[in-house]
C-alpha atoms as a PDB file:
ATOM      1  CA  UNK A   1      72.287 155.610  29.139  1.00  0.00           C
ATOM      2  CA  UNK A   2      69.800 158.378  28.766  1.00  0.00           C
ATOM      3  CA  UNK A   3      72.415 161.099  29.198  1.00  0.00           C
ATOM      4  CA  UNK A   4      74.130 159.969  26.012  1.00  0.00           C
ATOM      5  CA  UNK A   5      70.946 160.382  23.976  1.00  0.00           C
ATOM      6  CA  UNK A   6      70.368 164.024  24.818  1.00  0.00           C
ATOM      7  CA  UNK A   7      72.559 166.998  24.167  1.00  0.00           C
ATOM      8  CA  UNK A   8      72.552 168.849  26.480  1.00  0.00           C
ATOM      9  CA  UNK A   9      71.698 166.197  29.112  1.00  0.00           C
ATOM     10  CA  UNK A  10      68.115 165.997  30.348  1.00  0.00           C
ATOM     11  CA  UNK A  11      67.352 168.323  33.230  1.00  0.00           C
ATOM     12  CA  UNK A  12      66.493 167.198  36.741  1.00  0.00           C
ATOM     13  CA  UNK A  13      62.735 167.543  36.178  1.00  0.00           C
ATOM     14  CA  UNK A  14      62.879 165.412  33.030  1.00  0.00           C
ATOM     15  CA  UNK A  15      64.967 162.795  34.838  1.00  0.00           C
ATOM     16  CA  UNK A  16      62.516 162.637  37.761  1.00  0.00           C
ATOM     17  CA  UNK A  17      59.614 162.300  35.330  1.00  0.00           C
ATOM     18  CA  UNK A  18      61.162 159.515  33.266  1.00  0.00           C
ATOM     19  CA  UNK A  19      63.062 157.478  35.865  1.00  0.00           C
ATOM     20  CA  UNK A  20      61.751 154.034  36.743  1.00  0.00           C
ATOM     21  CA  UNK A  21      64.421 152.908  39.199  1.00  0.00           C
ATOM     22  CA  UNK A  22      62.439 153.901  42.291  1.00  0.00           C
ATOM     23  CA  UNK A  23      59.535 151.557  41.520  1.00  0.00           C
ATOM     24  CA  UNK A  24      61.041 149.012  39.101  1.00  0.00           C
ATOM     25  CA  UNK A  25      63.697 147.854  41.575  1.00  0.00           C
ATOM     26  CA  UNK A  26      61.525 144.843  42.397  1.00  0.00           C
ATOM     27  CA  UNK A  27      62.238 143.592  38.860  1.00  0.00           C
ATOM     28  CA  UNK A  28      65.944 143.084  39.558  1.00  0.00           C
ATOM     29  CA  UNK A  29      65.735 139.277  39.870  1.00  0.00           C
ATOM     30  CA  UNK A  30      63.956 139.005  36.535  1.00  0.00           C
ATOM     31  CA  UNK A  31      66.389 141.396  34.886  1.00  0.00           C
ATOM     32  CA  UNK A  32      69.369 139.408  36.155  1.00  0.00           C
ATOM     33  CA  UNK A  33      67.815 136.101  35.083  1.00  0.00           C
ATOM     34  CA  UNK A  34      67.144 137.573  31.655  1.00  0.00           C
ATOM     35  CA  UNK A  35      70.712 138.801  31.357  1.00  0.00           C
ATOM     36  CA  UNK A  36      72.046 135.362  32.307  1.00  0.00           C
ATOM     37  CA  UNK A  37      69.657 133.691  29.862  1.00  0.00           C
ATOM     38  CA  UNK A  38      70.751 136.099  27.133  1.00  0.00           C
ATOM     39  CA  UNK A  39      74.380 135.191  27.774  1.00  0.00           C
ATOM     40  CA  UNK A  40      73.470 131.503  27.631  1.00  0.00           C
ATOM     41  CA  UNK A  41      71.753 132.002  24.289  1.00  0.00           C
ATOM     42  CA  UNK A  42      74.960 133.467  22.905  1.00  0.00           C
ATOM     43  CA  UNK A  43      77.225 130.597  23.947  1.00  0.00           C
ATOM     44  CA  UNK A  44      78.852 130.577  20.550  1.00  0.00           C
ATOM     45  CA  UNK A  45      80.139 134.078  21.218  1.00  0.00           C
ATOM     46  CA  UNK A  46      81.283 133.677  24.829  1.00  0.00           C
ATOM     47  CA  UNK A  47      83.731 131.151  26.171  1.00  0.00           C
ATOM     48  CA  UNK A  48      82.610 129.106  29.151  1.00  0.00           C
ATOM     49  CA  UNK A  49      84.912 131.138  31.378  1.00  0.00           C
ATOM     50  CA  UNK A  50      83.529 134.456  30.090  1.00  0.00           C
ATOM     51  CA  UNK A  51      79.974 133.297  30.708  1.00  0.00           C
ATOM     52  CA  UNK A  52      80.856 132.161  34.240  1.00  0.00           C
ATOM     53  CA  UNK A  53      82.424 135.550  35.024  1.00  0.00           C
ATOM     54  CA  UNK A  54      79.308 137.351  33.781  1.00  0.00           C
ATOM     55  CA  UNK A  55      76.879 135.060  35.606  1.00  0.00           C
ATOM     56  CA  UNK A  56      78.892 135.145  38.850  1.00  0.00           C
ATOM     57  CA  UNK A  57      79.039 138.944  38.713  1.00  0.00           C
ATOM     58  CA  UNK A  58      75.312 139.240  38.099  1.00  0.00           C
ATOM     59  CA  UNK A  59      74.661 136.951  41.047  1.00  0.00           C
ATOM     60  CA  UNK A  60      76.921 139.176  43.195  1.00  0.00           C
ATOM     61  CA  UNK A  61      74.823 142.189  42.219  1.00  0.00           C
ATOM     62  CA  UNK A  62      71.666 140.175  42.952  1.00  0.00           C
ATOM     63  CA  UNK A  63      72.983 139.389  46.454  1.00  0.00           C
ATOM     64  CA  UNK A  64      73.805 143.056  47.080  1.00  0.00           C
ATOM     65  CA  UNK A  65      70.251 144.018  46.144  1.00  0.00           C
ATOM     66  CA  UNK A  66      68.628 141.220  48.170  1.00  0.00           C
ATOM     67  CA  UNK A  67      70.713 142.100  51.243  1.00  0.00           C
ATOM     68  CA  UNK A  68      69.957 145.815  50.953  1.00  0.00           C
ATOM     69  CA  UNK A  69      73.575 146.794  50.228  1.00  0.00           C
ATOM     70  CA  UNK A  70      72.898 147.976  46.664  1.00  0.00           C
ATOM     71  CA  UNK A  71      72.833 151.736  46.156  1.00  0.00           C
ATOM     72  CA  UNK A  72      70.771 152.591  43.101  1.00  0.00           C
ATOM     73  CA  UNK A  73      71.481 155.656  41.037  1.00  0.00           C
ATOM     74  CA  UNK A  74      68.242 157.355  40.018  1.00  0.00           C
ATOM     75  CA  UNK A  75      70.094 159.362  37.386  1.00  0.00           C
ATOM     76  CA  UNK A  76      70.531 156.107  35.469  1.00  0.00           C
ATOM     77  CA  UNK A  77      67.661 155.196  33.212  1.00  0.00           C
ATOM     78  CA  UNK A  78      66.237 152.068  34.847  1.00  0.00           C
ATOM     79  CA  UNK A  79      66.922 148.994  36.956  1.00  0.00           C
ATOM     80  CA  UNK A  80      68.710 147.244  34.074  1.00  0.00           C
ATOM     81  CA  UNK A  81      71.184 150.095  33.596  1.00  0.00           C
ATOM     82  CA  UNK A  82      71.777 150.216  37.368  1.00  0.00           C
ATOM     83  CA  UNK A  83      72.557 146.487  37.391  1.00  0.00           C
ATOM     84  CA  UNK A  84      74.789 146.848  34.349  1.00  0.00           C
ATOM     85  CA  UNK A  85      76.680 149.727  35.981  1.00  0.00           C
ATOM     86  CA  UNK A  86      77.109 147.768  39.229  1.00  0.00           C
ATOM     87  CA  UNK A  87      78.436 144.747  37.334  1.00  0.00           C
ATOM     88  CA  UNK A  88      80.852 146.985  35.441  1.00  0.00           C
ATOM     89  CA  UNK A  89      82.167 148.467  38.688  1.00  0.00           C
ATOM     90  CA  UNK A  90      82.796 144.970  40.042  1.00  0.00           C
ATOM     91  CA  UNK A  91      84.422 143.520  36.938  1.00  0.00           C
ATOM     92  CA  UNK A  92      85.975 146.203  34.755  1.00  0.00           C
END
C-alpha cells in the first residue's frame, strides 16, 4: 500500500491527487479475472483447495461490487488494493 512507501504517510492532497479508485472501479472484473488467472498460473505453488478458496473469495468480492454493496476505501492506492483488502477481510 502507498502508506507503507512513504514516511511520514502521504498527506490528504497527495492522496487525492494520486488515487485512482474513484474512476478505476469499473476495472474490478478485469482485476479479479487477472488475479484468478495469476493463481491458476501458479498451480504448482497452490493446492487445489487453496486455489478454490482464493477464487471463491474473489468472486464474493466481485458480487459485492456488482450488487453495489462494496465500500471502496479511497485511501488505498487503487482498485486492486481495495479488492485485495476486501478479500483479506473475508478470509483472514
